[in-house]
Amino acid sequence: NILKDINDCFLFSVTLKDLVDHTSILYSQQVNATGSLNCVTQRVDIDQDAPTIVWLQTEYVTATTVDFTFAVDELSNVSYVVLPRGAVEPTPLEVQAGTGAAGTGAVASGVKEYLGSSTPSPGAGAGGKGQDVLNITGLLAGTNYDVWFVPFDRFGNSQTEAQSRWIRTVGLDMLINSLATQEGGYTDVIQVKLTQVPTADVSVTISERSGIGNVVLVDQALSLTDYVSSVTLVFTPITWNVAQEVGVKAVDDIYVEDQHTEELKFDVRSLDVRYDALVDPNRTVVIADNDECGVIVYDPNNRPLERTLSCSANA
C-alpha cells in the first residue's frame, strides 16, 4: 500500500511473513522520495547486492540425471548450464542464456526459481533462505561434465563469476575407440571399471552382439589363452574403480570377408538400480581378414584361347 502526498512523501506499509507463515504486525512509516526535503529523513533503498549461492552440494547421480541441493542468500532465479568437462568457463550472462562460452551449445540448461524453503541448509549461517533441490536430466552415461550456476535477482543483479561443480554420471569407465584385431594375428584388450561407487555388486557380461562367432574373449585375470564367447566381470563397492582387462581375438575362419566389424555389447546387472538401469553400451571391433579370394584357371575343352575364371567369397 503506497500513498503519495503533495509533499512528495510516501506512506509505506508492510506486513512481514516468514517461510512457515508466521506473520508480523502491520508496519507503517512515512518516507521521502529521493531528493525530497519535505518529509522525515528516511527513504526506501533498493537492494543492489547480488544474490549468492551459500550452499551447493551434489546429492545423487545416475546415468542420465543429477540432483543438487542448494541455498541462496535471497530469493532469485538460479540459471544453470551443463558443459563437457574442461570447456571454457561461461560468463554469468551466458549461463543465463543457456549457452557455453561464446554461445557454444550446452548439454543441458535451465532456470530454477528459488523461493526459499522451511528446510534449513548448512548455508543458513551465511544467510541462506532454506534448502531447495535442483534436478538436471538429459545427460549421457559415464560422462564428465562441468555444471555452472548463477543466481539472478529481480533487478538482474548477479555475481561476476559463475559457480561450478564437476560431476561424472554413472556408467562404465572405458575408452570408446574401436578395437583392432586380425584373424590369426594381432589381438586387442578392453580395460573397464565403474565411474561411481555402487551400493551393491555390479556384473558386466561382455559378448558379441551378432552371435555369429566373429570374435572371442578372455578374462585376463584368469587366463591369457582360454578364449570363450562371453566374459562376466564383477565389481564390488570396494573394487569398483580397479580396472579389469578382457582380451579380444578375431576368430580365424575360412571365409573371404575383407575388413569387417563386430559390435561388443556390455550387459550390466546390479541391485544398485542406477547401474541396473544402464542401457547396454557398444564397442566396435575392427577385424582384418587373412583370407584371399581363390582363382582357378582351367581349360575344359583343351582350347588355349578360352579360359574360365572362378572366384568365390563369403561377403
C-alpha atoms as a PDB file:
ATOM      1  CA  ASN A   1       0.000   0.000   0.000  1.00  0.00           C
ATOM      2  CA  ILE A   2       1.754   3.214  -1.186  1.00  0.00           C
ATOM      3  CA  LEU A   3       0.138   6.662  -0.799  1.00  0.00           C
ATOM      4  CA  LYS A   4       1.853   9.809  -2.097  1.00  0.00           C
ATOM      5  CA  ASP A   5       1.000  13.324  -0.900  1.00  0.00           C
ATOM      6  CA  ILE A   6       1.663  16.788  -2.317  1.00  0.00           C
ATOM      7  CA  ASN A   7       4.979  16.993  -0.492  1.00  0.00           C
ATOM      8  CA  ASP A   8       6.306  14.000  -2.405  1.00  0.00           C
ATOM      9  CA  CYS A   9       6.059  11.844   0.693  1.00  0.00           C
ATOM     10  CA  PHE A  10       5.037   8.203   0.837  1.00  0.00           C
ATOM     11  CA  LEU A  11       3.227   6.116   3.390  1.00  0.00           C
ATOM     12  CA  PHE A  12       4.934   2.766   3.203  1.00  0.00           C
ATOM     13  CA  SER A  13       3.087  -0.134   4.865  1.00  0.00           C
ATOM     14  CA  VAL A  14       4.299  -3.700   5.058  1.00  0.00           C
ATOM     15  CA  THR A  15       3.415  -6.960   6.757  1.00  0.00           C
ATOM     16  CA  LEU A  16       6.247  -9.447   7.141  1.00  0.00           C
ATOM     17  CA  LYS A  17       5.746 -13.206   6.848  1.00  0.00           C
ATOM     18  CA  ASP A  18       8.416 -15.889   7.294  1.00  0.00           C
ATOM     19  CA  LEU A  19       8.730 -19.192   5.452  1.00  0.00           C
ATOM     20  CA  VAL A  20       6.500 -21.027   7.907  1.00  0.00           C
ATOM     21  CA  ASP A  21       3.737 -18.374   7.769  1.00  0.00           C
ATOM     22  CA  HIS A  22       4.445 -16.505  10.984  1.00  0.00           C
ATOM     23  CA  THR A  23       3.043 -13.002  10.355  1.00  0.00           C
ATOM     24  CA  SER A  24       4.233  -9.733  11.888  1.00  0.00           C
ATOM     25  CA  ILE A  25       2.142  -6.761  12.918  1.00  0.00           C
ATOM     26  CA  LEU A  26       1.430  -4.134  10.282  1.00  0.00           C
ATOM     27  CA  TYR A  27       4.371  -1.731   9.993  1.00  0.00           C
ATOM     28  CA  SER A  28       3.825   1.783   8.570  1.00  0.00           C
ATOM     29  CA  GLN A  29       6.323   4.557   8.080  1.00  0.00           C
ATOM     30  CA  GLN A  30       6.325   7.837   6.211  1.00  0.00           C
ATOM     31  CA  VAL A  31       9.343   8.056   3.922  1.00  0.00           C
ATOM     32  CA  ASN A  32      10.634  10.504   1.379  1.00  0.00           C
ATOM     33  CA  ALA A  33      11.400  10.068  -2.257  1.00  0.00           C
ATOM     34  CA  THR A  34      14.990  10.619  -3.328  1.00  0.00           C
ATOM     35  CA  GLY A  35      15.824  14.321  -3.071  1.00  0.00           C
ATOM     36  CA  SER A  36      12.723  15.371  -1.110  1.00  0.00           C
ATOM     37  CA  LEU A  37      13.229  17.668   1.908  1.00  0.00           C
ATOM     38  CA  ASN A  38       9.570  17.826   2.958  1.00  0.00           C
ATOM     39  CA  CYS A  39       9.393  14.501   4.769  1.00  0.00           C
ATOM     40  CA  VAL A  40      11.129  12.903   7.680  1.00  0.00           C
ATOM     41  CA  THR A  41      14.697  11.991   6.803  1.00  0.00           C
ATOM     42  CA  GLN A  42      14.052   8.392   5.858  1.00  0.00           C
ATOM     43  CA  ARG A  43      13.944   6.754   2.482  1.00  0.00           C
ATOM     44  CA  VAL A  44      13.419   3.408   0.779  1.00  0.00           C
ATOM     45  CA  ASP A  45      16.648   1.853  -0.516  1.00  0.00           C
ATOM     46  CA  ILE A  46      16.602  -0.788  -3.246  1.00  0.00           C
ATOM     47  CA  ASP A  47      18.846  -3.768  -2.513  1.00  0.00           C
ATOM     48  CA  GLN A  48      21.517  -3.865  -5.220  1.00  0.00           C
ATOM     49  CA  ASP A  49      23.570  -6.662  -3.670  1.00  0.00           C
ATOM     50  CA  ALA A  50      23.931  -9.651  -5.971  1.00  0.00           C
ATOM     51  CA  PRO A  51      22.447 -12.926  -4.701  1.00  0.00           C
ATOM     52  CA  THR A  52      24.992 -15.529  -3.692  1.00  0.00           C
ATOM     53  CA  ILE A  53      24.741 -19.310  -3.554  1.00  0.00           C
ATOM     54  CA  VAL A  54      25.755 -20.163   0.015  1.00  0.00           C
ATOM     55  CA  TRP A  55      25.189 -23.908  -0.211  1.00  0.00           C
ATOM     56  CA  LEU A  56      25.660 -26.193  -3.239  1.00  0.00           C
ATOM     57  CA  GLN A  57      26.035 -29.949  -2.885  1.00  0.00           C
ATOM     58  CA  THR A  58      25.926 -32.847  -5.374  1.00  0.00           C
ATOM     59  CA  GLU A  59      23.483 -35.318  -3.827  1.00  0.00           C
ATOM     60  CA  TYR A  60      22.543 -38.082  -6.274  1.00  0.00           C
ATOM     61  CA  VAL A  61      23.953 -39.056  -9.665  1.00  0.00           C
ATOM     62  CA  THR A  62      22.531 -41.611 -12.106  1.00  0.00           C
ATOM     63  CA  ALA A  63      23.465 -42.442 -15.694  1.00  0.00           C
ATOM     64  CA  THR A  64      21.387 -39.571 -17.090  1.00  0.00           C
ATOM     65  CA  THR A  65      20.478 -37.281 -14.173  1.00  0.00           C
ATOM     66  CA  VAL A  66      21.981 -35.405 -11.229  1.00  0.00           C
ATOM     67  CA  ASP A  67      20.372 -33.835  -8.133  1.00  0.00           C
ATOM     68  CA  PHE A  68      21.860 -30.864  -6.270  1.00  0.00           C
ATOM     69  CA  THR A  69      20.770 -29.284  -3.007  1.00  0.00           C
ATOM     70  CA  PHE A  70      21.361 -25.563  -2.780  1.00  0.00           C
ATOM     71  CA  ALA A  71      20.530 -22.374  -0.898  1.00  0.00           C
ATOM     72  CA  VAL A  72      20.817 -18.685  -1.835  1.00  0.00           C
ATOM     73  CA  ASP A  73      21.013 -15.664   0.446  1.00  0.00           C
ATOM     74  CA  GLU A  74      17.989 -14.052  -1.247  1.00  0.00           C
ATOM     75  CA  LEU A  75      15.053 -15.098  -3.398  1.00  0.00           C
ATOM     76  CA  SER A  76      16.187 -15.372  -7.018  1.00  0.00           C
ATOM     77  CA  ASN A  77      16.166 -17.286 -10.268  1.00  0.00           C
ATOM     78  CA  VAL A  78      19.073 -19.736 -10.451  1.00  0.00           C
ATOM     79  CA  SER A  79      20.277 -20.320 -14.017  1.00  0.00           C
ATOM     80  CA  TYR A  80      22.403 -23.372 -14.802  1.00  0.00           C
ATOM     81  CA  VAL A  81      24.204 -24.802 -17.812  1.00  0.00           C
ATOM     82  CA  VAL A  82      25.863 -28.213 -18.310  1.00  0.00           C
ATOM     83  CA  LEU A  83      29.008 -28.346 -20.455  1.00  0.00           C
ATOM     84  CA  PRO A  84      31.572 -31.032 -21.304  1.00  0.00           C
ATOM     85  CA  ARG A  85      34.303 -31.294 -18.693  1.00  0.00           C
ATOM     86  CA  GLY A  86      37.079 -28.764 -19.344  1.00  0.00           C
ATOM     87  CA  ALA A  87      35.013 -26.439 -21.547  1.00  0.00           C
ATOM     88  CA  VAL A  88      35.790 -22.720 -21.334  1.00  0.00           C
ATOM     89  CA  GLU A  89      34.105 -21.043 -18.361  1.00  0.00           C
ATOM     90  CA  PRO A  90      30.939 -19.170 -19.401  1.00  0.00           C
ATOM     91  CA  THR A  91      30.053 -15.697 -18.152  1.00  0.00           C
ATOM     92  CA  PRO A  92      27.000 -15.195 -15.914  1.00  0.00           C
ATOM     93  CA  LEU A  93      25.034 -13.782 -18.853  1.00  0.00           C
ATOM     94  CA  GLU A  94      25.962 -16.808 -20.995  1.00  0.00           C
ATOM     95  CA  VAL A  95      24.747 -19.100 -18.224  1.00  0.00           C
ATOM     96  CA  GLN A  96      21.515 -17.107 -18.075  1.00  0.00           C
ATOM     97  CA  ALA A  97      21.171 -17.521 -21.853  1.00  0.00           C
ATOM     98  CA  GLY A  98      21.698 -21.287 -21.520  1.00  0.00           C
ATOM     99  CA  THR A  99      24.924 -21.488 -23.544  1.00  0.00           C
ATOM    100  CA  GLY A 100      28.599 -22.130 -23.098  1.00  0.00           C
ATOM    101  CA  ALA A 101      31.331 -19.555 -23.692  1.00  0.00           C
ATOM    102  CA  ALA A 102      30.930 -17.582 -26.926  1.00  0.00           C
ATOM    103  CA  GLY A 103      27.492 -19.103 -27.475  1.00  0.00           C
ATOM    104  CA  THR A 104      28.592 -22.734 -27.784  1.00  0.00           C
ATOM    105  CA  GLY A 105      25.864 -25.319 -27.348  1.00  0.00           C
ATOM    106  CA  ALA A 106      25.117 -26.775 -23.920  1.00  0.00           C
ATOM    107  CA  VAL A 107      24.339 -30.362 -22.973  1.00  0.00           C
ATOM    108  CA  ALA A 108      21.524 -29.102 -20.741  1.00  0.00           C
ATOM    109  CA  SER A 109      20.387 -25.776 -19.299  1.00  0.00           C
ATOM    110  CA  GLY A 110      17.520 -24.234 -17.401  1.00  0.00           C
ATOM    111  CA  VAL A 111      16.297 -21.924 -14.643  1.00  0.00           C
ATOM    112  CA  LYS A 112      15.193 -22.888 -11.135  1.00  0.00           C
ATOM    113  CA  GLU A 113      13.006 -20.377  -9.297  1.00  0.00           C
ATOM    114  CA  TYR A 114      14.326 -20.152  -5.758  1.00  0.00           C
ATOM    115  CA  LEU A 115      11.592 -19.232  -3.282  1.00  0.00           C
ATOM    116  CA  GLY A 116      13.394 -20.472  -0.197  1.00  0.00           C
ATOM    117  CA  SER A 117      12.053 -23.294   1.947  1.00  0.00           C
ATOM    118  CA  SER A 118      11.406 -24.316   5.532  1.00  0.00           C
ATOM    119  CA  THR A 119      14.239 -26.880   5.306  1.00  0.00           C
ATOM    120  CA  PRO A 120      17.362 -25.433   6.939  1.00  0.00           C
ATOM    121  CA  SER A 121      20.568 -25.679   4.932  1.00  0.00           C
ATOM    122  CA  PRO A 122      24.192 -25.743   6.090  1.00  0.00           C
ATOM    123  CA  GLY A 123      24.379 -22.300   4.465  1.00  0.00           C
ATOM    124  CA  ALA A 124      21.874 -20.779   6.903  1.00  0.00           C
ATOM    125  CA  GLY A 125      24.653 -19.027   8.810  1.00  0.00           C
ATOM    126  CA  ALA A 126      25.629 -17.202   5.602  1.00  0.00           C
ATOM    127  CA  GLY A 127      22.080 -16.004   5.007  1.00  0.00           C
ATOM    128  CA  GLY A 128      20.618 -18.964   3.133  1.00  0.00           C
ATOM    129  CA  LYS A 129      16.821 -18.838   2.894  1.00  0.00           C
ATOM    130  CA  GLY A 130      16.305 -22.597   3.130  1.00  0.00           C
ATOM    131  CA  GLN A 131      17.436 -25.649   1.194  1.00  0.00           C
ATOM    132  CA  ASP A 132      15.965 -26.488  -2.218  1.00  0.00           C
ATOM    133  CA  VAL A 133      16.605 -29.235  -4.792  1.00  0.00           C
ATOM    134  CA  LEU A 134      17.653 -28.825  -8.424  1.00  0.00           C
ATOM    135  CA  ASN A 135      17.274 -31.815 -10.766  1.00  0.00           C
ATOM    136  CA  ILE A 136      19.064 -31.916 -14.139  1.00  0.00           C
ATOM    137  CA  THR A 137      18.224 -34.511 -16.811  1.00  0.00           C
ATOM    138  CA  GLY A 138      19.313 -35.398 -20.346  1.00  0.00           C
ATOM    139  CA  LEU A 139      22.895 -36.468 -19.566  1.00  0.00           C
ATOM    140  CA  LEU A 140      24.912 -39.356 -21.035  1.00  0.00           C
ATOM    141  CA  ALA A 141      26.140 -42.363 -19.048  1.00  0.00           C
ATOM    142  CA  GLY A 142      29.767 -42.484 -17.912  1.00  0.00           C
ATOM    143  CA  THR A 143      30.481 -38.883 -18.963  1.00  0.00           C
ATOM    144  CA  ASN A 144      32.334 -35.996 -17.287  1.00  0.00           C
ATOM    145  CA  TYR A 145      30.569 -32.643 -17.056  1.00  0.00           C
ATOM    146  CA  ASP A 146      31.018 -29.175 -15.574  1.00  0.00           C
ATOM    147  CA  VAL A 147      27.766 -27.664 -14.264  1.00  0.00           C
ATOM    148  CA  TRP A 148      27.739 -23.859 -13.905  1.00  0.00           C
ATOM    149  CA  PHE A 149      25.292 -21.926 -11.692  1.00  0.00           C
ATOM    150  CA  VAL A 150      24.391 -18.216 -11.389  1.00  0.00           C
ATOM    151  CA  PRO A 151      21.509 -16.726  -9.342  1.00  0.00           C
ATOM    152  CA  PHE A 152      19.855 -13.519 -10.600  1.00  0.00           C
ATOM    153  CA  ASP A 153      17.564 -11.318  -8.517  1.00  0.00           C
ATOM    154  CA  ARG A 154      14.563  -9.440  -9.913  1.00  0.00           C
ATOM    155  CA  PHE A 155      16.757  -6.440 -10.729  1.00  0.00           C
ATOM    156  CA  GLY A 156      19.200  -8.543 -12.776  1.00  0.00           C
ATOM    157  CA  ASN A 157      21.990  -8.441 -10.196  1.00  0.00           C
ATOM    158  CA  SER A 158      24.411 -11.361 -10.223  1.00  0.00           C
ATOM    159  CA  GLN A 159      27.906 -12.267  -9.116  1.00  0.00           C
ATOM    160  CA  THR A 160      30.747 -11.534 -11.556  1.00  0.00           C
ATOM    161  CA  GLU A 161      31.567 -15.243 -11.967  1.00  0.00           C
ATOM    162  CA  ALA A 162      29.529 -18.422 -12.133  1.00  0.00           C
ATOM    163  CA  GLN A 163      29.970 -21.233  -9.601  1.00  0.00           C
ATOM    164  CA  SER A 164      30.602 -24.755 -10.847  1.00  0.00           C
ATOM    165  CA  ARG A 165      30.545 -28.384  -9.807  1.00  0.00           C
ATOM    166  CA  TRP A 166      32.214 -31.278 -11.613  1.00  0.00           C
ATOM    167  CA  ILE A 167      30.194 -34.465 -11.981  1.00  0.00           C
ATOM    168  CA  ARG A 168      30.606 -37.847 -13.626  1.00  0.00           C
ATOM    169  CA  THR A 169      27.497 -39.816 -14.456  1.00  0.00           C
ATOM    170  CA  VAL A 170      27.056 -43.483 -13.591  1.00  0.00           C
ATOM    171  CA  GLY A 171      28.407 -45.830 -16.255  1.00  0.00           C
ATOM    172  CA  LEU A 172      31.347 -47.894 -17.437  1.00  0.00           C
ATOM    173  CA  ASP A 173      34.732 -46.198 -17.348  1.00  0.00           C
ATOM    174  CA  MET A 174      36.487 -47.276 -20.534  1.00  0.00           C
ATOM    175  CA  LEU A 175      37.739 -45.952 -23.824  1.00  0.00           C
ATOM    176  CA  ILE A 176      35.172 -45.860 -26.618  1.00  0.00           C
ATOM    177  CA  ASN A 177      37.537 -46.054 -29.587  1.00  0.00           C
ATOM    178  CA  SER A 178      37.401 -49.070 -31.915  1.00  0.00           C
ATOM    179  CA  LEU A 179      39.357 -52.218 -31.095  1.00  0.00           C
ATOM    180  CA  ALA A 180      41.731 -53.619 -33.760  1.00  0.00           C
ATOM    181  CA  THR A 181      42.150 -57.370 -34.396  1.00  0.00           C
ATOM    182  CA  GLN A 182      43.259 -59.656 -37.216  1.00  0.00           C
ATOM    183  CA  GLU A 183      42.201 -63.187 -37.995  1.00  0.00           C
ATOM    184  CA  GLY A 184      45.114 -65.383 -36.948  1.00  0.00           C
ATOM    185  CA  GLY A 185      47.098 -62.288 -35.948  1.00  0.00           C
ATOM    186  CA  TYR A 186      47.070 -59.393 -33.533  1.00  0.00           C
ATOM    187  CA  THR A 187      44.547 -59.042 -30.703  1.00  0.00           C
ATOM    188  CA  ASP A 188      43.346 -56.157 -28.549  1.00  0.00           C
ATOM    189  CA  VAL A 189      42.424 -55.517 -24.899  1.00  0.00           C
ATOM    190  CA  ILE A 190      39.479 -53.844 -23.160  1.00  0.00           C
ATOM    191  CA  GLN A 191      40.099 -52.126 -19.814  1.00  0.00           C
ATOM    192  CA  VAL A 192      36.915 -51.415 -17.889  1.00  0.00           C
ATOM    193  CA  LYS A 193      35.879 -50.174 -14.436  1.00  0.00           C
ATOM    194  CA  LEU A 194      32.966 -48.204 -12.970  1.00  0.00           C
ATOM    195  CA  THR A 195      32.583 -44.426 -12.746  1.00  0.00           C
ATOM    196  CA  GLN A 196      30.799 -44.301  -9.367  1.00  0.00           C
ATOM    197  CA  VAL A 197      30.954 -46.470  -6.267  1.00  0.00           C
ATOM    198  CA  PRO A 198      27.930 -48.835  -6.332  1.00  0.00           C
ATOM    199  CA  THR A 199      25.737 -49.762  -3.403  1.00  0.00           C
ATOM    200  CA  ALA A 200      25.850 -53.444  -4.425  1.00  0.00           C
ATOM    201  CA  ASP A 201      27.945 -55.722  -6.644  1.00  0.00           C
ATOM    202  CA  VAL A 202      27.774 -54.954 -10.367  1.00  0.00           C
ATOM    203  CA  SER A 203      28.212 -57.677 -13.020  1.00  0.00           C
ATOM    204  CA  VAL A 204      29.210 -56.795 -16.568  1.00  0.00           C
ATOM    205  CA  THR A 205      28.807 -59.506 -19.215  1.00  0.00           C
ATOM    206  CA  ILE A 206      30.663 -58.824 -22.478  1.00  0.00           C
ATOM    207  CA  SER A 207      29.786 -60.663 -25.686  1.00  0.00           C
ATOM    208  CA  GLU A 208      29.472 -60.060 -29.412  1.00  0.00           C
ATOM    209  CA  ARG A 209      26.165 -58.587 -30.490  1.00  0.00           C
ATOM    210  CA  SER A 210      25.712 -60.622 -33.685  1.00  0.00           C
ATOM    211  CA  GLY A 211      26.277 -64.004 -32.048  1.00  0.00           C
ATOM    212  CA  ILE A 212      27.747 -65.491 -35.244  1.00  0.00           C
ATOM    213  CA  GLY A 213      31.246 -66.104 -33.882  1.00  0.00           C
ATOM    214  CA  ASN A 214      33.364 -63.266 -35.243  1.00  0.00           C
ATOM    215  CA  VAL A 215      35.304 -62.701 -32.018  1.00  0.00           C
ATOM    216  CA  VAL A 216      36.112 -64.495 -28.770  1.00  0.00           C
ATOM    217  CA  LEU A 217      37.070 -63.092 -25.369  1.00  0.00           C
ATOM    218  CA  VAL A 218      39.197 -63.940 -22.356  1.00  0.00           C
ATOM    219  CA  ASP A 219      39.251 -62.604 -18.781  1.00  0.00           C
ATOM    220  CA  GLN A 220      42.946 -61.876 -18.467  1.00  0.00           C
ATOM    221  CA  ALA A 221      42.808 -62.135 -14.688  1.00  0.00           C
ATOM    222  CA  LEU A 222      42.064 -65.836 -15.165  1.00  0.00           C
ATOM    223  CA  SER A 223      43.898 -66.774 -18.374  1.00  0.00           C
ATOM    224  CA  LEU A 224      45.681 -65.352 -21.401  1.00  0.00           C
ATOM    225  CA  THR A 225      44.726 -68.159 -23.780  1.00  0.00           C
ATOM    226  CA  ASP A 226      41.337 -69.655 -22.883  1.00  0.00           C
ATOM    227  CA  TYR A 227      39.093 -67.594 -25.170  1.00  0.00           C
ATOM    228  CA  VAL A 228      35.298 -68.011 -24.899  1.00  0.00           C
ATOM    229  CA  SER A 229      32.207 -66.415 -26.412  1.00  0.00           C
ATOM    230  CA  SER A 230      31.375 -64.241 -23.369  1.00  0.00           C
ATOM    231  CA  VAL A 231      33.056 -62.973 -20.202  1.00  0.00           C
ATOM    232  CA  THR A 232      31.450 -61.743 -16.969  1.00  0.00           C
ATOM    233  CA  LEU A 233      33.278 -59.270 -14.736  1.00  0.00           C
ATOM    234  CA  VAL A 234      32.167 -58.460 -11.184  1.00  0.00           C
ATOM    235  CA  PHE A 235      32.806 -55.104  -9.487  1.00  0.00           C
ATOM    236  CA  THR A 236      32.162 -54.614  -5.772  1.00  0.00           C
ATOM    237  CA  PRO A 237      31.766 -51.454  -3.676  1.00  0.00           C
ATOM    238  CA  ILE A 238      35.453 -51.960  -2.836  1.00  0.00           C
ATOM    239  CA  THR A 239      36.873 -52.852  -6.279  1.00  0.00           C
ATOM    240  CA  TRP A 240      34.613 -50.616  -8.393  1.00  0.00           C
ATOM    241  CA  ASN A 241      37.499 -48.399  -9.574  1.00  0.00           C
ATOM    242  CA  VAL A 242      40.032 -51.168 -10.218  1.00  0.00           C
ATOM    243  CA  ALA A 243      40.296 -51.773 -13.974  1.00  0.00           C
ATOM    244  CA  GLN A 244      39.743 -55.309 -15.239  1.00  0.00           C
ATOM    245  CA  GLU A 245      41.148 -56.449 -18.600  1.00  0.00           C
ATOM    246  CA  VAL A 246      39.469 -58.563 -21.274  1.00  0.00           C
ATOM    247  CA  GLY A 247      41.363 -59.846 -24.309  1.00  0.00           C
ATOM    248  CA  VAL A 248      39.595 -59.692 -27.689  1.00  0.00           C
ATOM    249  CA  LYS A 249      40.585 -62.002 -30.562  1.00  0.00           C
ATOM    250  CA  ALA A 250      39.141 -62.412 -34.053  1.00  0.00           C
ATOM    251  CA  VAL A 251      38.044 -65.940 -34.990  1.00  0.00           C
ATOM    252  CA  ASP A 252      40.251 -67.296 -37.778  1.00  0.00           C
ATOM    253  CA  ASP A 253      37.666 -68.608 -40.245  1.00  0.00           C
ATOM    254  CA  ILE A 254      37.991 -69.820 -43.844  1.00  0.00           C
ATOM    255  CA  TYR A 255      35.809 -67.162 -45.435  1.00  0.00           C
ATOM    256  CA  VAL A 256      36.910 -64.260 -47.579  1.00  0.00           C
ATOM    257  CA  GLU A 257      35.292 -61.223 -45.943  1.00  0.00           C
ATOM    258  CA  ASP A 258      37.798 -58.397 -46.337  1.00  0.00           C
ATOM    259  CA  GLN A 259      37.935 -55.993 -43.402  1.00  0.00           C
ATOM    260  CA  HIS A 260      34.716 -56.146 -41.394  1.00  0.00           C
ATOM    261  CA  THR A 261      33.416 -55.213 -37.940  1.00  0.00           C
ATOM    262  CA  GLU A 262      31.652 -56.695 -34.931  1.00  0.00           C
ATOM    263  CA  GLU A 263      29.920 -54.926 -32.050  1.00  0.00           C
ATOM    264  CA  LEU A 264      30.559 -55.910 -28.444  1.00  0.00           C
ATOM    265  CA  LYS A 265      27.690 -55.423 -26.002  1.00  0.00           C
ATOM    266  CA  PHE A 266      28.020 -54.876 -22.257  1.00  0.00           C
ATOM    267  CA  ASP A 267      25.111 -56.271 -20.245  1.00  0.00           C
ATOM    268  CA  VAL A 268      25.145 -54.581 -16.814  1.00  0.00           C
ATOM    269  CA  ARG A 269      23.210 -56.027 -13.863  1.00  0.00           C
ATOM    270  CA  SER A 270      23.081 -54.975 -10.204  1.00  0.00           C
ATOM    271  CA  LEU A 271      20.834 -54.469  -7.189  1.00  0.00           C
ATOM    272  CA  ASP A 272      22.000 -50.860  -7.417  1.00  0.00           C
ATOM    273  CA  VAL A 273      19.219 -49.517  -9.643  1.00  0.00           C
ATOM    274  CA  ARG A 274      21.487 -46.805 -11.075  1.00  0.00           C
ATOM    275  CA  TYR A 275      23.628 -49.480 -12.720  1.00  0.00           C
ATOM    276  CA  ASP A 276      20.867 -51.999 -13.393  1.00  0.00           C
ATOM    277  CA  ALA A 277      19.073 -49.347 -15.466  1.00  0.00           C
ATOM    278  CA  LEU A 278      22.079 -48.754 -17.734  1.00  0.00           C
ATOM    279  CA  VAL A 279      21.415 -49.092 -21.448  1.00  0.00           C
ATOM    280  CA  ASP A 280      23.908 -51.594 -22.898  1.00  0.00           C
ATOM    281  CA  PRO A 281      26.848 -49.651 -24.335  1.00  0.00           C
ATOM    282  CA  ASN A 282      28.587 -50.809 -27.527  1.00  0.00           C
ATOM    283  CA  ARG A 283      32.227 -51.172 -28.521  1.00  0.00           C
ATOM    284  CA  THR A 284      33.260 -51.721 -32.156  1.00  0.00           C
ATOM    285  CA  VAL A 285      35.839 -54.351 -33.112  1.00  0.00           C
ATOM    286  CA  VAL A 286      37.542 -53.897 -36.499  1.00  0.00           C
ATOM    287  CA  ILE A 287      38.580 -57.270 -37.942  1.00  0.00           C
ATOM    288  CA  ALA A 288      41.270 -57.572 -40.620  1.00  0.00           C
ATOM    289  CA  ASP A 289      40.701 -60.647 -42.793  1.00  0.00           C
ATOM    290  CA  ASN A 290      43.561 -63.042 -43.594  1.00  0.00           C
ATOM    291  CA  ASP A 291      41.751 -64.976 -46.344  1.00  0.00           C
ATOM    292  CA  GLU A 292      42.188 -64.289 -50.054  1.00  0.00           C
ATOM    293  CA  CYS A 293      39.884 -64.990 -52.932  1.00  0.00           C
ATOM    294  CA  GLY A 294      40.889 -68.227 -54.706  1.00  0.00           C
ATOM    295  CA  VAL A 295      41.280 -68.074 -58.527  1.00  0.00           C
ATOM    296  CA  ILE A 296      41.024 -71.303 -60.531  1.00  0.00           C
ATOM    297  CA  VAL A 297      42.048 -71.367 -64.234  1.00  0.00           C
ATOM    298  CA  TYR A 298      41.143 -74.422 -66.286  1.00  0.00           C
ATOM    299  CA  ASP A 299      40.672 -75.432 -69.908  1.00  0.00           C
ATOM    300  CA  PRO A 300      37.634 -77.749 -70.159  1.00  0.00           C
ATOM    301  CA  ASN A 301      37.982 -78.433 -73.886  1.00  0.00           C
ATOM    302  CA  ASN A 302      41.712 -78.049 -74.376  1.00  0.00           C
ATOM    303  CA  ARG A 303      41.240 -74.708 -76.098  1.00  0.00           C
ATOM    304  CA  PRO A 304      44.175 -72.472 -75.175  1.00  0.00           C
ATOM    305  CA  LEU A 305      42.341 -69.296 -76.211  1.00  0.00           C
ATOM    306  CA  GLU A 306      39.349 -69.999 -73.994  1.00  0.00           C
ATOM    307  CA  ARG A 307      39.667 -69.880 -70.203  1.00  0.00           C
ATOM    308  CA  THR A 308      37.124 -69.779 -67.349  1.00  0.00           C
ATOM    309  CA  LEU A 309      37.889 -67.851 -64.130  1.00  0.00           C
ATOM    310  CA  SER A 310      36.027 -68.853 -60.996  1.00  0.00           C
ATOM    311  CA  CYS A 311      36.157 -66.751 -57.787  1.00  0.00           C
ATOM    312  CA  SER A 312      34.015 -67.206 -54.712  1.00  0.00           C
ATOM    313  CA  ALA A 313      33.976 -65.257 -51.455  1.00  0.00           C
ATOM    314  CA  ASN A 314      31.795 -65.040 -48.411  1.00  0.00           C
ATOM    315  CA  ALA A 315      30.572 -61.406 -48.268  1.00  0.00           C
END
